[in-house]
């Protein structure tokens, strides 16, 4: 590793050739070192870290990444990916060569982009997207490692607290006056299916012989278009058995034959969300999200003594570990109940 002295400035510099990630031979020069050893050390580290690694800009990488994602994921997921990337990731790194982005760069991005009022879960979804972009670079552009630290602090994810008890749901239900709204909210609360799964239901998905719902797709309204997608995982495509009183309600609703379209509920999630917000205010119960009705259903099952594997099967989780992770605070209470019962047996 030859190094050279700049007699005029009394400093050292290194100048050498290396082969880049595309196999092209390039020349590199770096000046301003105080000693020959510093110049040689810099050359050594450069060759270890950057020779043979991609120097394409981050914005070019993102363009390629998004084009690939468009082929692999649903339109709704792709729209969310583009939104998160363009709003929170691309403006910061922009035309920076990807082989110049390191762990310090990622920390700087986090401090610049992520505000304190962001929910930790939302921060996590953005960060996962960034890690996926660099994983893409590893697979397709020979990037040697992912610069995103595994232990980057994103804030503590607070256990789920916004859910309704049965009494709170009943109070809310008294504010509903249209049959299709009543039926939709009762199904969400008493079956635990996702809002998109509910809105995708057709009468062909209902079997009254065993009170079952066949959950295999999800509905979303995006850019004034109706989008139906298949379930995310094999576990999300499942059979959900309705309680008898819910099945009876659905039979009565079918006899009303309110809609002639393919879907049972011919409206969007925005309609349900507006009803939920207004109804909670009128009923005097705490405000929750549509998805929190699913959490409410899970809390009922856990409090009734059902095991994680049973809850996972009904909710469409791929395994019981996900259920334990999401609803761990509910199971903490059950652990104390178990200990108290053991104490009573003593």
C-alpha atoms as a PDB file:
ATOM      1  CA  UNK A   1       0.000   0.000   0.000  1.00  0.00           C
ATOM      2  CA  UNK A   2       2.136   2.877  -1.219  1.00  0.00           C
ATOM      3  CA  UNK A   3       1.454   6.308   0.300  1.00  0.00           C
ATOM      4  CA  UNK A   4       2.845   9.638  -0.796  1.00  0.00           C
ATOM      5  CA  UNK A   5       3.928  12.836   0.882  1.00  0.00           C
ATOM      6  CA  UNK A   6       2.710  16.283  -0.121  1.00  0.00           C
ATOM      7  CA  UNK A   7       5.832  18.335   0.557  1.00  0.00           C
ATOM      8  CA  UNK A   8       4.073  21.684   0.212  1.00  0.00           C
ATOM      9  CA  UNK A   9       1.481  20.909   2.871  1.00  0.00           C
ATOM     10  CA  UNK A  10       3.612  18.460   4.867  1.00  0.00           C
ATOM     11  CA  UNK A  11       0.807  15.881   4.745  1.00  0.00           C
ATOM     12  CA  UNK A  12       0.393  12.400   3.316  1.00  0.00           C
ATOM     13  CA  UNK A  13      -2.051  11.003   0.787  1.00  0.00           C
ATOM     14  CA  UNK A  14      -2.927   7.667  -0.763  1.00  0.00           C
ATOM     15  CA  UNK A  15      -3.774   6.990  -4.398  1.00  0.00           C
ATOM     16  CA  UNK A  16      -4.731   3.558  -5.661  1.00  0.00           C
ATOM     17  CA  UNK A  17      -6.935   1.565  -8.048  1.00  0.00           C
ATOM     18  CA  UNK A  18      -9.802  -0.711  -6.999  1.00  0.00           C
ATOM     19  CA  UNK A  19     -12.539  -2.763  -8.663  1.00  0.00           C
ATOM     20  CA  UNK A  20     -16.117  -1.630  -7.939  1.00  0.00           C
ATOM     21  CA  UNK A  21     -19.245  -3.788  -7.576  1.00  0.00           C
ATOM     22  CA  UNK A  22     -19.815  -3.783 -11.363  1.00  0.00           C
ATOM     23  CA  UNK A  23     -16.296  -5.035 -12.056  1.00  0.00           C
ATOM     24  CA  UNK A  24     -15.044  -1.657 -13.270  1.00  0.00           C
ATOM     25  CA  UNK A  25     -11.539  -0.521 -12.370  1.00  0.00           C
ATOM     26  CA  UNK A  26     -11.476   2.902 -10.690  1.00  0.00           C
ATOM     27  CA  UNK A  27      -8.897   5.217  -9.169  1.00  0.00           C
ATOM     28  CA  UNK A  28      -9.250   6.606  -5.637  1.00  0.00           C
ATOM     29  CA  UNK A  29      -7.272   9.417  -4.000  1.00  0.00           C
ATOM     30  CA  UNK A  30      -7.476  10.730  -0.441  1.00  0.00           C
ATOM     31  CA  UNK A  31      -5.359  13.571   0.950  1.00  0.00           C
ATOM     32  CA  UNK A  32      -4.698  15.377   4.221  1.00  0.00           C
ATOM     33  CA  UNK A  33      -3.288  12.657   6.492  1.00  0.00           C
ATOM     34  CA  UNK A  34      -0.807  13.688   9.150  1.00  0.00           C
ATOM     35  CA  UNK A  35       1.234  10.504   8.920  1.00  0.00           C
ATOM     36  CA  UNK A  36       2.002   7.802   6.381  1.00  0.00           C
ATOM     37  CA  UNK A  37       0.481   5.197   8.669  1.00  0.00           C
ATOM     38  CA  UNK A  38      -2.873   7.051   8.739  1.00  0.00           C
ATOM     39  CA  UNK A  39      -2.946   7.170   4.935  1.00  0.00           C
ATOM     40  CA  UNK A  40      -2.228   3.448   4.679  1.00  0.00           C
ATOM     41  CA  UNK A  41      -4.845   2.592   7.321  1.00  0.00           C
ATOM     42  CA  UNK A  42      -7.494   4.622   5.478  1.00  0.00           C
ATOM     43  CA  UNK A  43      -6.700   2.824   2.220  1.00  0.00           C
ATOM     44  CA  UNK A  44      -6.920  -0.553   3.934  1.00  0.00           C
ATOM     45  CA  UNK A  45     -10.320   0.190   5.488  1.00  0.00           C
ATOM     46  CA  UNK A  46     -11.655   1.557   2.211  1.00  0.00           C
ATOM     47  CA  UNK A  47     -10.702  -1.587   0.324  1.00  0.00           C
ATOM     48  CA  UNK A  48     -12.262  -3.776   3.037  1.00  0.00           C
ATOM     49  CA  UNK A  49     -15.543  -1.886   3.179  1.00  0.00           C
ATOM     50  CA  UNK A  50     -16.178  -0.346  -0.230  1.00  0.00           C
ATOM     51  CA  UNK A  51     -14.222  -2.084  -2.947  1.00  0.00           C
ATOM     52  CA  UNK A  52     -16.646  -4.369  -4.764  1.00  0.00           C
ATOM     53  CA  UNK A  53     -19.686  -2.760  -3.104  1.00  0.00           C
ATOM     54  CA  UNK A  54     -22.380  -0.706  -4.837  1.00  0.00           C
ATOM     55  CA  UNK A  55     -22.065   3.043  -5.146  1.00  0.00           C
ATOM     56  CA  UNK A  56     -25.505   3.615  -6.675  1.00  0.00           C
ATOM     57  CA  UNK A  57     -27.529   6.363  -5.055  1.00  0.00           C
ATOM     58  CA  UNK A  58     -30.273   5.611  -2.573  1.00  0.00           C
ATOM     59  CA  UNK A  59     -32.991   7.128  -4.766  1.00  0.00           C
ATOM     60  CA  UNK A  60     -32.049   4.785  -7.628  1.00  0.00           C
ATOM     61  CA  UNK A  61     -32.159   1.832  -5.229  1.00  0.00           C
ATOM     62  CA  UNK A  62     -35.625   2.866  -3.996  1.00  0.00           C
ATOM     63  CA  UNK A  63     -36.931   3.180  -7.550  1.00  0.00           C
ATOM     64  CA  UNK A  64     -35.835  -0.374  -8.310  1.00  0.00           C
ATOM     65  CA  UNK A  65     -37.103  -1.661  -4.964  1.00  0.00           C
ATOM     66  CA  UNK A  66     -40.577  -0.183  -5.448  1.00  0.00           C
ATOM     67  CA  UNK A  67     -40.814  -1.529  -8.986  1.00  0.00           C
ATOM     68  CA  UNK A  68     -40.082  -5.001  -7.625  1.00  0.00           C
ATOM     69  CA  UNK A  69     -42.567  -4.626  -4.763  1.00  0.00           C
ATOM     70  CA  UNK A  70     -45.312  -3.688  -7.222  1.00  0.00           C
ATOM     71  CA  UNK A  71     -44.967  -7.148  -8.751  1.00  0.00           C
ATOM     72  CA  UNK A  72     -45.004  -8.986  -5.419  1.00  0.00           C
ATOM     73  CA  UNK A  73     -47.567  -7.382  -3.111  1.00  0.00           C
ATOM     74  CA  UNK A  74     -51.181  -6.277  -3.278  1.00  0.00           C
ATOM     75  CA  UNK A  75     -52.148  -2.855  -4.575  1.00  0.00           C
ATOM     76  CA  UNK A  76     -53.155  -1.682  -1.099  1.00  0.00           C
ATOM     77  CA  UNK A  77     -49.872  -2.856   0.438  1.00  0.00           C
ATOM     78  CA  UNK A  78     -47.922  -1.294  -2.406  1.00  0.00           C
ATOM     79  CA  UNK A  79     -49.681   2.039  -1.882  1.00  0.00           C
ATOM     80  CA  UNK A  80     -48.757   1.963   1.822  1.00  0.00           C
ATOM     81  CA  UNK A  81     -45.152   1.056   0.987  1.00  0.00           C
ATOM     82  CA  UNK A  82     -44.831   3.966  -1.456  1.00  0.00           C
ATOM     83  CA  UNK A  83     -46.379   6.368   1.058  1.00  0.00           C
ATOM     84  CA  UNK A  84     -44.066   5.417   3.940  1.00  0.00           C
ATOM     85  CA  UNK A  85     -40.974   5.365   1.727  1.00  0.00           C
ATOM     86  CA  UNK A  86     -41.598   8.687  -0.006  1.00  0.00           C
ATOM     87  CA  UNK A  87     -42.629  10.529   3.149  1.00  0.00           C
ATOM     88  CA  UNK A  88     -40.228   9.253   5.787  1.00  0.00           C
ATOM     89  CA  UNK A  89     -37.247   7.607   4.084  1.00  0.00           C
ATOM     90  CA  UNK A  90     -36.391   8.829   0.604  1.00  0.00           C
ATOM     91  CA  UNK A  91     -36.125  12.610   1.339  1.00  0.00           C
ATOM     92  CA  UNK A  92     -33.443  12.053   3.986  1.00  0.00           C
ATOM     93  CA  UNK A  93     -31.059   9.773   2.073  1.00  0.00           C
ATOM     94  CA  UNK A  94     -32.033  10.866  -1.461  1.00  0.00           C
ATOM     95  CA  UNK A  95     -28.933  10.648  -3.717  1.00  0.00           C
ATOM     96  CA  UNK A  96     -26.471   9.392  -1.080  1.00  0.00           C
ATOM     97  CA  UNK A  97     -24.441   6.400  -2.361  1.00  0.00           C
ATOM     98  CA  UNK A  98     -25.753   3.390  -0.489  1.00  0.00           C
ATOM     99  CA  UNK A  99     -22.264   2.173   0.405  1.00  0.00           C
ATOM    100  CA  UNK A 100     -21.740   5.413   2.338  1.00  0.00           C
ATOM    101  CA  UNK A 101     -24.771   4.838   4.589  1.00  0.00           C
ATOM    102  CA  UNK A 102     -23.737   3.346   7.944  1.00  0.00           C
ATOM    103  CA  UNK A 103     -25.186   2.837  11.425  1.00  0.00           C
ATOM    104  CA  UNK A 104     -24.479   6.452  12.343  1.00  0.00           C
ATOM    105  CA  UNK A 105     -26.403   7.548   9.239  1.00  0.00           C
ATOM    106  CA  UNK A 106     -29.383   5.444  10.300  1.00  0.00           C
ATOM    107  CA  UNK A 107     -29.349   6.930  13.815  1.00  0.00           C
ATOM    108  CA  UNK A 108     -29.225  10.421  12.321  1.00  0.00           C
ATOM    109  CA  UNK A 109     -32.188   9.564  10.094  1.00  0.00           C
ATOM    110  CA  UNK A 110     -34.183   8.313  13.078  1.00  0.00           C
ATOM    111  CA  UNK A 111     -33.521  11.461  15.104  1.00  0.00           C
ATOM    112  CA  UNK A 112     -34.432  13.689  12.154  1.00  0.00           C
ATOM    113  CA  UNK A 113     -37.538  11.888  10.910  1.00  0.00           C
ATOM    114  CA  UNK A 114     -39.236  10.248  13.862  1.00  0.00           C
ATOM    115  CA  UNK A 115     -41.030  12.636  16.181  1.00  0.00           C
ATOM    116  CA  UNK A 116     -41.905  11.941  19.808  1.00  0.00           C
ATOM    117  CA  UNK A 117     -45.637  11.999  19.131  1.00  0.00           C
ATOM    118  CA  UNK A 118     -45.379   9.046  16.712  1.00  0.00           C
ATOM    119  CA  UNK A 119     -46.625   5.755  18.090  1.00  0.00           C
ATOM    120  CA  UNK A 120     -43.774   3.250  18.575  1.00  0.00           C
ATOM    121  CA  UNK A 121     -45.673   0.739  16.434  1.00  0.00           C
ATOM    122  CA  UNK A 122     -45.782   3.269  13.571  1.00  0.00           C
ATOM    123  CA  UNK A 123     -42.080   3.996  13.981  1.00  0.00           C
ATOM    124  CA  UNK A 124     -41.432   0.280  13.814  1.00  0.00           C
ATOM    125  CA  UNK A 125     -43.349  -0.102  10.543  1.00  0.00           C
ATOM    126  CA  UNK A 126     -41.279   2.694   8.953  1.00  0.00           C
ATOM    127  CA  UNK A 127     -38.031   1.203  10.233  1.00  0.00           C
ATOM    128  CA  UNK A 128     -38.931  -2.257   8.946  1.00  0.00           C
ATOM    129  CA  UNK A 129     -39.472  -0.718   5.522  1.00  0.00           C
ATOM    130  CA  UNK A 130     -35.990   0.842   5.612  1.00  0.00           C
ATOM    131  CA  UNK A 131     -34.409  -2.475   6.605  1.00  0.00           C
ATOM    132  CA  UNK A 132     -36.227  -4.206   3.746  1.00  0.00           C
ATOM    133  CA  UNK A 133     -34.820  -1.701   1.256  1.00  0.00           C
ATOM    134  CA  UNK A 134     -31.262  -2.472   2.362  1.00  0.00           C
ATOM    135  CA  UNK A 135     -31.972  -6.218   2.353  1.00  0.00           C
ATOM    136  CA  UNK A 136     -33.055  -5.748  -1.252  1.00  0.00           C
ATOM    137  CA  UNK A 137     -29.692  -4.063  -1.927  1.00  0.00           C
ATOM    138  CA  UNK A 138     -27.904  -7.054  -0.371  1.00  0.00           C
ATOM    139  CA  UNK A 139     -29.793  -9.485  -2.611  1.00  0.00           C
ATOM    140  CA  UNK A 140     -29.575  -7.552  -5.877  1.00  0.00           C
ATOM    141  CA  UNK A 141     -26.640  -5.139  -5.630  1.00  0.00           C
ATOM    142  CA  UNK A 142     -24.065  -7.016  -3.530  1.00  0.00           C
ATOM    143  CA  UNK A 143     -24.281  -4.669  -0.566  1.00  0.00           C
ATOM    144  CA  UNK A 144     -22.148  -6.506   2.024  1.00  0.00           C
ATOM    145  CA  UNK A 145     -24.296  -5.804   5.089  1.00  0.00           C
ATOM    146  CA  UNK A 146     -27.450  -4.071   6.268  1.00  0.00           C
ATOM    147  CA  UNK A 147     -26.536  -0.815   8.056  1.00  0.00           C
ATOM    148  CA  UNK A 148     -29.757  -0.786  10.095  1.00  0.00           C
ATOM    149  CA  UNK A 149     -28.953  -1.738  13.718  1.00  0.00           C
ATOM    150  CA  UNK A 150     -31.095  -4.497  15.216  1.00  0.00           C
ATOM    151  CA  UNK A 151     -31.214  -2.666  18.547  1.00  0.00           C
ATOM    152  CA  UNK A 152     -32.231   0.812  17.344  1.00  0.00           C
ATOM    153  CA  UNK A 153     -34.421   2.328  20.060  1.00  0.00           C
ATOM    154  CA  UNK A 154     -37.877   3.211  18.728  1.00  0.00           C
ATOM    155  CA  UNK A 155     -39.629   3.734  22.044  1.00  0.00           C
ATOM    156  CA  UNK A 156     -41.583   1.317  24.186  1.00  0.00           C
ATOM    157  CA  UNK A 157     -44.610  -0.295  22.602  1.00  0.00           C
ATOM    158  CA  UNK A 158     -47.420   0.173  25.111  1.00  0.00           C
ATOM    159  CA  UNK A 159     -49.668  -2.845  25.706  1.00  0.00           C
ATOM    160  CA  UNK A 160     -53.119  -2.666  24.150  1.00  0.00           C
ATOM    161  CA  UNK A 161     -55.501  -0.723  26.342  1.00  0.00           C
ATOM    162  CA  UNK A 162     -58.232   0.488  23.995  1.00  0.00           C
ATOM    163  CA  UNK A 163     -60.855  -2.214  23.909  1.00  0.00           C
ATOM    164  CA  UNK A 164     -64.470  -2.525  24.988  1.00  0.00           C
ATOM    165  CA  UNK A 165     -66.075  -4.771  27.512  1.00  0.00           C
ATOM    166  CA  UNK A 166     -69.379  -6.409  26.623  1.00  0.00           C
ATOM    167  CA  UNK A 167     -71.246  -3.725  28.577  1.00  0.00           C
ATOM    168  CA  UNK A 168     -69.466  -0.927  26.718  1.00  0.00           C
ATOM    169  CA  UNK A 169     -70.270  -2.534  23.376  1.00  0.00           C
ATOM    170  CA  UNK A 170     -73.937  -2.872  24.337  1.00  0.00           C
ATOM    171  CA  UNK A 171     -74.044   0.806  25.269  1.00  0.00           C
ATOM    172  CA  UNK A 172     -72.570   1.701  21.899  1.00  0.00           C
ATOM    173  CA  UNK A 173     -74.943  -0.629  20.023  1.00  0.00           C
ATOM    174  CA  UNK A 174     -77.979   1.256  21.347  1.00  0.00           C
ATOM    175  CA  UNK A 175     -76.889   4.262  19.236  1.00  0.00           C
ATOM    176  CA  UNK A 176     -77.178   2.299  15.962  1.00  0.00           C
ATOM    177  CA  UNK A 177     -80.462   2.450  14.052  1.00  0.00           C
ATOM    178  CA  UNK A 178     -79.774   0.955  10.612  1.00  0.00           C
ATOM    179  CA  UNK A 179     -79.799  -2.861  10.235  1.00  0.00           C
ATOM    180  CA  UNK A 180     -76.635  -3.048   8.109  1.00  0.00           C
ATOM    181  CA  UNK A 181     -74.646  -1.022  10.668  1.00  0.00           C
ATOM    182  CA  UNK A 182     -75.988  -3.082  13.575  1.00  0.00           C
ATOM    183  CA  UNK A 183     -75.140  -6.349  11.816  1.00  0.00           C
ATOM    184  CA  UNK A 184     -71.660  -5.208  10.821  1.00  0.00           C
ATOM    185  CA  UNK A 185     -70.641  -4.118  14.320  1.00  0.00           C
ATOM    186  CA  UNK A 186     -72.099  -7.218  15.970  1.00  0.00           C
ATOM    187  CA  UNK A 187     -70.112  -9.433  13.608  1.00  0.00           C
ATOM    188  CA  UNK A 188     -66.898  -7.520  14.254  1.00  0.00           C
ATOM    189  CA  UNK A 189     -67.292  -7.638  18.036  1.00  0.00           C
ATOM    190  CA  UNK A 190     -68.527 -11.226  18.394  1.00  0.00           C
ATOM    191  CA  UNK A 191     -66.342 -12.960  15.782  1.00  0.00           C
ATOM    192  CA  UNK A 192     -63.076 -10.988  15.935  1.00  0.00           C
ATOM    193  CA  UNK A 193     -62.703 -10.839  12.152  1.00  0.00           C
ATOM    194  CA  UNK A 194     -60.857  -7.899  10.604  1.00  0.00           C
ATOM    195  CA  UNK A 195     -62.774  -4.996   9.098  1.00  0.00           C
ATOM    196  CA  UNK A 196     -61.465  -5.801   5.614  1.00  0.00           C
ATOM    197  CA  UNK A 197     -62.530  -9.427   6.038  1.00  0.00           C
ATOM    198  CA  UNK A 198     -66.021  -8.348   7.072  1.00  0.00           C
ATOM    199  CA  UNK A 199     -66.435  -6.025   4.087  1.00  0.00           C
ATOM    200  CA  UNK A 200     -65.272  -8.742   1.674  1.00  0.00           C
ATOM    201  CA  UNK A 201     -67.931 -11.244   2.821  1.00  0.00           C
ATOM    202  CA  UNK A 202     -70.486 -12.540   0.329  1.00  0.00           C
ATOM    203  CA  UNK A 203     -73.426 -14.823   1.047  1.00  0.00           C
ATOM    204  CA  UNK A 204     -71.412 -17.652  -0.527  1.00  0.00           C
ATOM    205  CA  UNK A 205     -69.028 -17.305   2.432  1.00  0.00           C
ATOM    206  CA  UNK A 206     -71.816 -18.017   4.924  1.00  0.00           C
ATOM    207  CA  UNK A 207     -72.960 -21.535   5.821  1.00  0.00           C
ATOM    208  CA  UNK A 208     -75.910 -21.559   8.197  1.00  0.00           C
ATOM    209  CA  UNK A 209     -75.824 -25.374   8.487  1.00  0.00           C
ATOM    210  CA  UNK A 210     -72.883 -25.024  10.892  1.00  0.00           C
ATOM    211  CA  UNK A 211     -72.993 -21.235  11.504  1.00  0.00           C
ATOM    212  CA  UNK A 212     -69.628 -20.760   9.795  1.00  0.00           C
ATOM    213  CA  UNK A 213     -67.991 -17.893   7.958  1.00  0.00           C
ATOM    214  CA  UNK A 214     -65.363 -18.675   5.337  1.00  0.00           C
ATOM    215  CA  UNK A 215     -62.677 -15.991   5.628  1.00  0.00           C
ATOM    216  CA  UNK A 216     -60.475 -15.952   2.537  1.00  0.00           C
ATOM    217  CA  UNK A 217     -60.205 -12.367   1.291  1.00  0.00           C
ATOM    218  CA  UNK A 218     -60.122  -8.733   2.320  1.00  0.00           C
ATOM    219  CA  UNK A 219     -61.753  -5.596   0.906  1.00  0.00           C
ATOM    220  CA  UNK A 220     -60.363  -2.068   0.719  1.00  0.00           C
ATOM    221  CA  UNK A 221     -61.436   1.105  -1.060  1.00  0.00           C
ATOM    222  CA  UNK A 222     -58.340   2.710  -2.591  1.00  0.00           C
ATOM    223  CA  UNK A 223     -58.216   5.645  -5.023  1.00  0.00           C
ATOM    224  CA  UNK A 224     -61.965   5.272  -5.642  1.00  0.00           C
ATOM    225  CA  UNK A 225     -61.452   1.640  -6.609  1.00  0.00           C
ATOM    226  CA  UNK A 226     -62.748  -1.516  -4.911  1.00  0.00           C
ATOM    227  CA  UNK A 227     -59.840  -3.842  -4.185  1.00  0.00           C
ATOM    228  CA  UNK A 228     -60.209  -7.458  -3.077  1.00  0.00           C
ATOM    229  CA  UNK A 229     -57.112  -9.324  -1.958  1.00  0.00           C
ATOM    230  CA  UNK A 230     -56.562 -12.858  -0.697  1.00  0.00           C
ATOM    231  CA  UNK A 231     -55.559 -13.446   2.912  1.00  0.00           C
ATOM    232  CA  UNK A 232     -52.017 -12.444   3.906  1.00  0.00           C
ATOM    233  CA  UNK A 233     -51.128 -15.913   5.196  1.00  0.00           C
ATOM    234  CA  UNK A 234     -52.530 -19.421   5.153  1.00  0.00           C
ATOM    235  CA  UNK A 235     -53.644 -18.904   8.770  1.00  0.00           C
ATOM    236  CA  UNK A 236     -55.664 -15.791   7.886  1.00  0.00           C
ATOM    237  CA  UNK A 237     -57.699 -17.898   5.440  1.00  0.00           C
ATOM    238  CA  UNK A 238     -59.842 -19.725   7.944  1.00  0.00           C
ATOM    239  CA  UNK A 239     -63.298 -20.815   9.109  1.00  0.00           C
ATOM    240  CA  UNK A 240     -64.880 -18.792  11.928  1.00  0.00           C
ATOM    241  CA  UNK A 241     -67.882 -20.216  13.766  1.00  0.00           C
ATOM    242  CA  UNK A 242     -70.512 -17.667  14.804  1.00  0.00           C
ATOM    243  CA  UNK A 243     -72.356 -17.794  18.124  1.00  0.00           C
ATOM    244  CA  UNK A 244     -75.932 -18.950  17.553  1.00  0.00           C
ATOM    245  CA  UNK A 245     -77.475 -15.554  18.297  1.00  0.00           C
ATOM    246  CA  UNK A 246     -75.183 -13.899  15.740  1.00  0.00           C
ATOM    247  CA  UNK A 247     -76.102 -16.507  13.128  1.00  0.00           C
ATOM    248  CA  UNK A 248     -79.806 -15.845  13.847  1.00  0.00           C
ATOM    249  CA  UNK A 249     -79.245 -12.104  13.430  1.00  0.00           C
ATOM    250  CA  UNK A 250     -77.492 -12.716  10.113  1.00  0.00           C
ATOM    251  CA  UNK A 251     -80.365 -14.916   8.879  1.00  0.00           C
ATOM    252  CA  UNK A 252     -82.828 -12.119   9.613  1.00  0.00           C
ATOM    253  CA  UNK A 253     -80.544  -9.637   7.903  1.00  0.00           C
ATOM    254  CA  UNK A 254     -80.361 -11.875   4.817  1.00  0.00           C
ATOM    255  CA  UNK A 255     -84.157 -11.984   4.606  1.00  0.00           C
ATOM    256  CA  UNK A 256     -84.199  -8.174   4.477  1.00  0.00           C
ATOM    257  CA  UNK A 257     -82.069  -8.397   1.303  1.00  0.00           C
ATOM    258  CA  UNK A 258     -80.981  -4.757   1.560  1.00  0.00           C
ATOM    259  CA  UNK A 259     -78.299  -4.915  -1.108  1.00  0.00           C
ATOM    260  CA  UNK A 260     -78.191  -6.482  -4.523  1.00  0.00           C
ATOM    261  CA  UNK A 261     -74.402  -6.341  -4.909  1.00  0.00           C
ATOM    262  CA  UNK A 262     -71.948  -9.193  -4.433  1.00  0.00           C
ATOM    263  CA  UNK A 263     -70.778  -8.091  -0.985  1.00  0.00           C
ATOM    264  CA  UNK A 264     -73.025  -8.413   2.062  1.00  0.00           C
ATOM    265  CA  UNK A 265     -72.001  -4.979   3.346  1.00  0.00           C
ATOM    266  CA  UNK A 266     -71.906  -2.543   0.469  1.00  0.00           C
ATOM    267  CA  UNK A 267     -69.952   0.293   2.115  1.00  0.00           C
ATOM    268  CA  UNK A 268     -66.382   1.158   3.131  1.00  0.00           C
ATOM    269  CA  UNK A 269     -64.445   1.133   6.390  1.00  0.00           C
ATOM    270  CA  UNK A 270     -64.705   4.946   6.494  1.00  0.00           C
ATOM    271  CA  UNK A 271     -68.477   4.615   6.939  1.00  0.00           C
ATOM    272  CA  UNK A 272     -68.020   2.240   9.877  1.00  0.00           C
ATOM    273  CA  UNK A 273     -65.340   4.430  11.427  1.00  0.00           C
ATOM    274  CA  UNK A 274     -67.618   7.484  11.346  1.00  0.00           C
ATOM    275  CA  UNK A 275     -70.398   5.493  12.994  1.00  0.00           C
ATOM    276  CA  UNK A 276     -67.996   4.212  15.628  1.00  0.00           C
ATOM    277  CA  UNK A 277     -66.710   7.679  16.556  1.00  0.00           C
ATOM    278  CA  UNK A 278     -70.166   9.251  16.688  1.00  0.00           C
ATOM    279  CA  UNK A 279     -71.726   6.308  18.507  1.00  0.00           C
ATOM    280  CA  UNK A 280     -69.031   6.200  21.194  1.00  0.00           C
ATOM    281  CA  UNK A 281     -69.555   9.893  21.860  1.00  0.00           C
ATOM    282  CA  UNK A 282     -73.326   9.520  22.161  1.00  0.00           C
ATOM    283  CA  UNK A 283     -73.073   6.376  24.325  1.00  0.00           C
ATOM    284  CA  UNK A 284     -70.495   7.952  26.633  1.00  0.00           C
ATOM    285  CA  UNK A 285     -67.937   5.161  26.208  1.00  0.00           C
ATOM    286  CA  UNK A 286     -64.258   5.565  25.424  1.00  0.00           C
ATOM    287  CA  UNK A 287     -63.302   6.107  21.817  1.00  0.00           C
ATOM    288  CA  UNK A 288     -61.635   3.174  20.089  1.00  0.00           C
ATOM    289  CA  UNK A 289     -60.646   2.225  16.552  1.00  0.00           C
ATOM    290  CA  UNK A 290     -62.419  -0.276  14.317  1.00  0.00           C
ATOM    291  CA  UNK A 291     -59.495  -2.687  14.786  1.00  0.00           C
ATOM    292  CA  UNK A 292     -59.919  -2.437  18.555  1.00  0.00           C
ATOM    293  CA  UNK A 293     -63.184  -4.365  18.236  1.00  0.00           C
ATOM    294  CA  UNK A 294     -60.967  -7.298  17.270  1.00  0.00           C
ATOM    295  CA  UNK A 295     -58.863  -6.712  20.391  1.00  0.00           C
ATOM    296  CA  UNK A 296     -62.084  -6.568  22.404  1.00  0.00           C
ATOM    297  CA  UNK A 297     -63.041  -9.992  21.077  1.00  0.00           C
ATOM    298  CA  UNK A 298     -59.611 -11.377  21.971  1.00  0.00           C
ATOM    299  CA  UNK A 299     -59.868 -10.037  25.509  1.00  0.00           C
ATOM    300  CA  UNK A 300     -63.248 -11.792  25.908  1.00  0.00           C
ATOM    301  CA  UNK A 301     -61.764 -15.108  24.795  1.00  0.00           C
ATOM    302  CA  UNK A 302     -58.761 -14.812  27.100  1.00  0.00           C
ATOM    303  CA  UNK A 303     -60.868 -13.793  30.095  1.00  0.00           C
ATOM    304  CA  UNK A 304     -63.116 -16.775  29.363  1.00  0.00           C
ATOM    305  CA  UNK A 305     -60.097 -19.041  29.800  1.00  0.00           C
ATOM    306  CA  UNK A 306     -59.253 -19.940  26.198  1.00  0.00           C
ATOM    307  CA  UNK A 307     -55.639 -20.813  25.483  1.00  0.00           C
ATOM    308  CA  UNK A 308     -53.378 -18.829  23.090  1.00  0.00           C
ATOM    309  CA  UNK A 309     -53.603 -21.536  20.429  1.00  0.00           C
ATOM    310  CA  UNK A 310     -57.423 -21.261  20.429  1.00  0.00           C
ATOM    311  CA  UNK A 311     -57.328 -17.469  20.208  1.00  0.00           C
ATOM    312  CA  UNK A 312     -54.699 -17.612  17.441  1.00  0.00           C
ATOM    313  CA  UNK A 313     -56.842 -20.007  15.407  1.00  0.00           C
ATOM    314  CA  UNK A 314     -59.939 -17.806  15.660  1.00  0.00           C
ATOM    315  CA  UNK A 315     -58.134 -14.542  14.913  1.00  0.00           C
ATOM    316  CA  UNK A 316     -56.087 -15.963  12.052  1.00  0.00           C
ATOM    317  CA  UNK A 317     -52.650 -15.535  13.609  1.00  0.00           C
ATOM    318  CA  UNK A 318     -49.962 -17.686  12.007  1.00  0.00           C
ATOM    319  CA  UNK A 319     -48.962 -19.063  15.425  1.00  0.00           C
ATOM    320  CA  UNK A 320     -49.756 -18.698  19.118  1.00  0.00           C
ATOM    321  CA  UNK A 321     -46.537 -16.751  19.768  1.00  0.00           C
ATOM    322  CA  UNK A 322     -48.033 -13.781  17.916  1.00  0.00           C
ATOM    323  CA  UNK A 323     -51.115 -13.987  20.120  1.00  0.00           C
ATOM    324  CA  UNK A 324     -48.987 -14.081  23.272  1.00  0.00           C
ATOM    325  CA  UNK A 325     -46.931 -11.124  22.088  1.00  0.00           C
ATOM    326  CA  UNK A 326     -49.939  -8.933  21.235  1.00  0.00           C
ATOM    327  CA  UNK A 327     -52.072  -9.880  24.225  1.00  0.00           C
ATOM    328  CA  UNK A 328     -49.417 -10.656  26.842  1.00  0.00           C
ATOM    329  CA  UNK A 329     -50.904  -8.203  29.361  1.00  0.00           C
ATOM    330  CA  UNK A 330     -54.217 -10.089  29.286  1.00  0.00           C
ATOM    331  CA  UNK A 331     -52.429 -13.348  30.040  1.00  0.00           C
ATOM    332  CA  UNK A 332     -50.507 -11.698  32.890  1.00  0.00           C
ATOM    333  CA  UNK A 333     -53.831 -11.378  34.725  1.00  0.00           C
ATOM    334  CA  UNK A 334     -54.605 -15.048  34.099  1.00  0.00           C
ATOM    335  CA  UNK A 335     -51.245 -16.011  35.622  1.00  0.00           C
ATOM    336  CA  UNK A 336     -52.227 -14.317  38.886  1.00  0.00           C
ATOM    337  CA  UNK A 337     -55.611 -16.045  38.811  1.00  0.00           C
ATOM    338  CA  UNK A 338     -53.835 -19.392  38.389  1.00  0.00           C
ATOM    339  CA  UNK A 339     -51.567 -18.672  41.341  1.00  0.00           C
ATOM    340  CA  UNK A 340     -54.528 -17.661  43.511  1.00  0.00           C
ATOM    341  CA  UNK A 341     -56.360 -20.869  42.648  1.00  0.00           C
ATOM    342  CA  UNK A 342     -53.289 -22.869  43.629  1.00  0.00           C
ATOM    343  CA  UNK A 343     -53.220 -20.958  46.890  1.00  0.00           C
ATOM    344  CA  UNK A 344     -56.872 -21.827  47.540  1.00  0.00           C
ATOM    345  CA  UNK A 345     -56.059 -25.489  46.941  1.00  0.00           C
ATOM    346  CA  UNK A 346     -53.362 -25.419  49.602  1.00  0.00           C
END
